Structure formats: structure tokens, C-alpha cells
Amino acid sequence: MNDITRERLRKAIEWNNTNPSAVAHAFGKEEHYYRDFLKGKKKTLTSEGLSFAATFLGVALKIQTKNIEEPKTGLSASKDRHVPLYSAKLSATADRRFIFENTTDILCPSALSRVRGVYAVRMPDDSMEPRFFAGETLFVDPSRSIRPGVFIVVKIKNGESEYAYIKQVVDEKLTLRQFNPEKKFSVPLDSVLHAHVIQIVYSN
């Protein structure tokens, strides 16, 4: 397992305000399962273990297949359901706003197969690295509550124009955080058309 995967797992645990033991317990493993990997005591995790962590933490984990133990179940797509996939056209603004365009369909992850209103957005740039990387597919779960710390797709209406952001929520006033470059700003609550939590990330 390469260092990129280990580092992304460590950061995802921090971002979710949890710890390796809690993730392991949720997975039904002993508390040292992920901790030993993060400390370098364990060189590999099963693909099932990585897939569970990715779903549980809502983050994509960069994986080198040759270093993974034999896969078991892992993340899978629902064979019966497709959801909209939007690409994003960036505007030339410092806050990295974008507009939705070029709608197509994509298979829905099985973990979201029973959730209404699921859709996906292709991450347009590097403004949220290292949390999200350009080109990754972000699946949202409209049933999840907005709270500080979560990452969202938020659509704004300002006069005749509509645009969206992919950002982290800082507080209940909807202060948003961008990672790259570091930036925080607020949006008027009465301008928000919708805001949905990003639940699952697929690397392409």
C-alpha cells in the first residue's frame, strides 16, 4: 500500500472527527485494524477494508492494486439504478464557482441505492485538494443533514444567474471553506436553492 493511501486515510479520519478505532469497530474489526496500518505496522489492507473506510468516511482512497490483498466485496454499483452525473464549467472567479452542464447518467453506488434524489458531480478543479481531486466523481446524499464539517454541493441563485460551489461547511451560517488556496466566505441563506452532502467519492 503506498503512502498516498495511508495519508488520505489519516486525513479523512481527522476531517470526520473520528479515530481509527471507531472506524474499525464500525467495520466489525478489532480496534487496531486501521491503526496498525496508519502506523506502518501493517503494510496492506484488504480491498474490503479500504472500501468500507471510503464509504464510512466519504472519501476516495488512491489505491495501487498490486499492493492490496485479494479483494472480497468492496464498493459496488447498483445494477438497477442510474443517477444524473453533472460536469462543471468553472467561472473566472476567486471563489471557484461553477455551473452545471452536460448531464449524463452514471450507475448509482449500492450504498445509496435506496436514497432519493442522488446525483453526482465531476470535481472540476484542484480547489479542494487534498480532500477532493480534479476529475473525481462526487455522489451526494440529499437525505443527510447539513452541519459544520461536512462537504457539500451548494447551488446559489443571484438575480438571474445560478451557480454552485463544492466546499466544506464551517458553521451554521453557511460559511464555506475552500482548501486550495485556503479561503473562507459566506453565502446568504436566502440565496441557496439547495445544499447536499457529499457522501461517496470515486476516483477515475
Protein backbone atom coordinates (compact mmCIF):
# COMPACT_ATOMS: atom_id res chain seq x y z
CA MET A 1 0.00 0.00 0.00
CA ASN A 2 1.55 3.31 -0.97
CA ASP A 3 1.99 6.33 1.28
CA ILE A 4 -0.69 8.32 -0.60
CA THR A 5 -3.39 5.89 0.51
CA ARG A 6 -2.16 5.91 4.09
CA GLU A 7 -2.05 9.70 4.22
CA ARG A 8 -5.51 10.14 2.66
CA LEU A 9 -6.98 7.67 5.15
CA ARG A 10 -5.35 9.53 8.04
CA LYS A 11 -6.68 12.89 6.86
CA ALA A 12 -10.16 11.51 6.19
CA ILE A 13 -10.33 10.22 9.76
CA GLU A 14 -9.27 13.64 11.06
CA TRP A 15 -11.78 15.50 8.85
CA ASN A 16 -14.60 13.32 10.15
CA ASN A 17 -13.62 13.98 13.79
CA THR A 18 -13.28 10.28 14.50
CA ASN A 19 -10.42 7.85 15.13
CA PRO A 20 -9.07 4.60 13.65
CA SER A 21 -10.56 2.50 16.44
CA ALA A 22 -14.07 3.85 15.81
CA VAL A 23 -13.80 3.07 12.09
CA ALA A 24 -12.56 -0.43 12.92
CA HIS A 25 -15.44 -1.03 15.34
CA ALA A 26 -17.95 0.09 12.69
CA PHE A 27 -16.34 -2.39 10.30
CA GLY A 28 -16.59 -5.16 12.88
CA LYS A 29 -12.82 -5.47 13.36
CA GLU A 30 -10.51 -5.17 16.35
CA GLU A 31 -9.59 -1.60 17.27
CA HIS A 32 -6.02 -1.89 15.96
CA TYR A 33 -7.13 -2.88 12.42
CA TYR A 34 -6.71 0.57 10.83
CA ARG A 35 -4.39 1.96 13.50
CA ASP A 36 -1.66 -0.59 12.72
CA PHE A 37 -1.84 0.29 9.04
CA LEU A 38 -1.56 4.01 9.73
CA LYS A 39 1.44 3.44 11.99
CA GLY A 40 3.15 1.27 9.37
CA LYS A 41 2.91 -1.92 11.43
CA LYS A 42 0.67 -3.40 8.74
CA LYS A 43 1.70 -2.98 5.10
CA THR A 44 -1.64 -3.75 3.48
CA LEU A 45 -5.39 -3.67 3.99
CA THR A 46 -7.89 -5.82 2.18
CA SER A 47 -9.84 -4.08 -0.57
CA GLU A 48 -12.93 -4.76 1.56
CA GLY A 49 -11.35 -2.81 4.42
CA LEU A 50 -10.41 0.08 2.16
CA SER A 51 -13.83 0.17 0.52
CA PHE A 52 -15.59 0.24 3.88
CA ALA A 53 -13.37 3.12 5.08
CA ALA A 54 -14.03 5.02 1.84
CA THR A 55 -17.80 4.69 2.26
CA PHE A 56 -17.79 5.31 6.02
CA LEU A 57 -15.59 8.41 5.74
CA GLY A 58 -16.90 9.68 2.39
CA VAL A 59 -13.54 9.95 0.68
CA ALA A 60 -11.71 8.39 -2.26
CA LEU A 61 -8.61 6.40 -1.39
CA LYS A 62 -5.87 6.21 -4.01
CA ILE A 63 -5.03 2.53 -4.38
CA GLN A 64 -2.21 0.59 -6.03
CA THR A 65 -3.82 -2.73 -6.82
CA LYS A 66 -0.58 -4.72 -6.76
CA ASN A 67 -0.17 -3.92 -3.05
CA ILE A 68 -3.68 -4.92 -1.97
CA GLU A 69 -4.66 -8.27 -0.57
CA GLU A 70 -7.11 -10.39 -2.54
CA PRO A 71 -10.38 -8.40 -2.87
CA LYS A 72 -13.60 -9.58 -1.28
CA THR A 73 -16.71 -7.42 -1.70
CA GLY A 74 -15.78 -3.73 -1.74
CA LEU A 75 -17.72 -0.82 -3.17
CA SER A 76 -20.12 -1.76 -5.91
CA ALA A 77 -22.60 -0.04 -8.16
CA SER A 78 -26.30 -0.76 -8.24
CA LYS A 79 -27.13 -2.68 -11.41
CA ASP A 80 -30.69 -1.37 -11.46
CA ARG A 81 -30.37 2.36 -10.93
CA HIS A 82 -28.74 5.22 -12.77
CA VAL A 83 -28.46 8.76 -11.42
CA PRO A 84 -27.60 12.08 -13.10
CA LEU A 85 -23.93 12.97 -13.48
CA TYR A 86 -23.13 16.66 -13.98
CA SER A 87 -19.90 18.08 -15.29
CA ALA A 88 -18.98 21.53 -14.05
CA LYS A 89 -17.92 24.59 -16.01
CA LEU A 90 -15.75 26.90 -13.91
CA SER A 91 -16.14 30.66 -13.92
CA ALA A 92 -13.17 33.02 -13.70
CA THR A 93 -13.73 33.96 -10.06
CA ALA A 94 -11.57 33.61 -6.95
CA ASP A 95 -14.23 31.59 -5.15
CA ARG A 96 -14.15 28.86 -7.83
CA ARG A 97 -17.88 28.86 -8.53
CA PHE A 98 -19.18 26.73 -11.39
CA ILE A 99 -22.30 25.95 -13.35
CA PHE A 100 -23.77 22.50 -14.02
CA GLU A 101 -23.72 21.28 -17.59
CA ASN A 102 -23.58 18.21 -19.84
CA THR A 103 -25.89 15.95 -17.87
CA THR A 104 -25.46 12.23 -18.43
CA ASP A 105 -26.21 9.13 -16.34
CA ILE A 106 -23.98 7.00 -14.12
CA LEU A 107 -24.56 3.86 -12.09
CA CYS A 108 -25.57 4.63 -8.52
CA PRO A 109 -23.34 3.24 -5.74
CA SER A 110 -25.11 0.38 -3.97
CA ALA A 111 -24.72 2.20 -0.63
CA LEU A 112 -27.02 4.94 -1.96
CA SER A 113 -29.39 2.76 -3.95
CA ARG A 114 -32.32 3.38 -1.57
CA VAL A 115 -31.77 7.13 -1.20
CA ARG A 116 -33.98 9.52 -3.15
CA GLY A 117 -32.56 12.36 -5.19
CA VAL A 118 -28.99 11.08 -5.50
CA TYR A 119 -26.84 12.71 -8.18
CA ALA A 120 -23.14 13.06 -8.94
CA VAL A 121 -20.83 15.91 -9.89
CA ARG A 122 -17.42 15.67 -11.55
CA MET A 123 -14.91 17.66 -9.47
CA PRO A 124 -13.82 20.43 -11.85
CA ASP A 125 -10.50 21.58 -10.38
CA ASP A 126 -7.95 21.39 -7.57
CA SER A 127 -9.65 23.91 -5.27
CA MET A 128 -10.50 21.26 -2.64
CA GLU A 129 -7.31 19.21 -2.71
CA PRO A 130 -6.28 17.15 -0.85
CA ARG A 131 -9.88 16.30 0.09
CA PHE A 132 -11.17 16.06 -3.48
CA PHE A 133 -9.04 15.84 -6.63
CA ALA A 134 -9.88 17.16 -10.08
CA GLY A 135 -11.79 14.59 -12.12
CA GLU A 136 -13.16 12.62 -9.17
CA THR A 137 -16.86 11.76 -9.14
CA LEU A 138 -18.71 13.06 -6.08
CA PHE A 139 -22.01 11.41 -5.13
CA VAL A 140 -24.37 13.40 -2.91
CA ASP A 141 -26.89 12.13 -0.39
CA PRO A 142 -29.77 14.64 -0.12
CA SER A 143 -31.10 12.86 2.97
CA ARG A 144 -28.12 13.84 5.14
CA SER A 145 -28.30 16.93 7.34
CA ILE A 146 -26.03 19.92 6.76
CA ARG A 147 -23.74 20.52 9.73
CA PRO A 148 -20.31 22.06 10.33
CA GLY A 149 -17.52 19.88 8.96
CA VAL A 150 -19.40 18.21 6.12
CA PHE A 151 -18.60 18.77 2.45
CA ILE A 152 -21.41 19.91 0.21
CA VAL A 153 -22.57 20.82 -3.25
CA VAL A 154 -24.50 24.06 -2.81
CA LYS A 155 -26.43 25.77 -5.58
CA ILE A 156 -26.93 29.54 -5.43
CA LYS A 157 -29.33 31.91 -7.22
CA ASN A 158 -28.14 35.50 -7.51
CA GLY A 159 -30.51 37.62 -9.54
CA GLU A 160 -30.80 35.97 -12.94
CA SER A 161 -27.69 33.82 -12.54
CA GLU A 162 -27.34 30.40 -10.93
CA TYR A 163 -24.08 28.77 -9.92
CA ALA A 164 -22.73 26.25 -7.45
CA TYR A 165 -19.85 25.53 -5.09
CA ILE A 166 -18.15 22.39 -3.80
CA LYS A 167 -16.92 23.39 -0.35
CA GLN A 168 -16.72 22.46 3.34
CA VAL A 169 -19.28 23.88 5.75
CA VAL A 170 -17.67 25.85 8.59
CA ASP A 171 -20.70 26.92 10.63
CA GLU A 172 -24.49 27.07 10.70
CA LYS A 173 -24.44 30.47 8.99
CA LEU A 174 -23.15 28.63 5.92
CA THR A 175 -19.64 29.97 5.96
CA LEU A 176 -17.81 27.90 3.36
CA ARG A 177 -14.19 26.79 3.29
CA GLN A 178 -12.02 26.26 0.23
CA PHE A 179 -8.74 24.38 0.63
CA ASN A 180 -6.61 25.41 -2.35
CA PRO A 181 -5.89 28.24 -1.95
CA GLU A 182 -7.19 28.49 1.61
CA LYS A 183 -10.24 30.75 1.65
CA LYS A 184 -13.44 31.23 3.67
CA PHE A 185 -16.55 33.14 2.67
CA SER A 186 -20.25 33.25 3.45
CA VAL A 187 -23.27 32.93 1.21
CA PRO A 188 -26.69 34.47 2.02
CA LEU A 189 -29.01 31.73 3.23
CA ASP A 190 -31.90 33.17 1.24
CA SER A 191 -29.89 32.72 -1.99
CA VAL A 192 -29.45 28.96 -1.51
CA LEU A 193 -31.52 26.82 -3.87
CA HIS A 194 -30.25 23.60 -2.34
CA ALA A 195 -27.29 22.21 -0.41
CA HIS A 196 -26.48 18.50 -0.39
CA VAL A 197 -23.85 16.48 1.49
CA ILE A 198 -21.17 14.67 -0.48
CA GLN A 199 -21.28 11.06 0.68
CA ILE A 200 -19.16 8.93 -1.65
CA VAL A 201 -16.16 9.78 -3.85
CA TYR A 202 -14.96 7.67 -6.78
CA SER A 203 -11.54 8.18 -8.32
CA ASN A 204 -11.46 7.82 -12.08
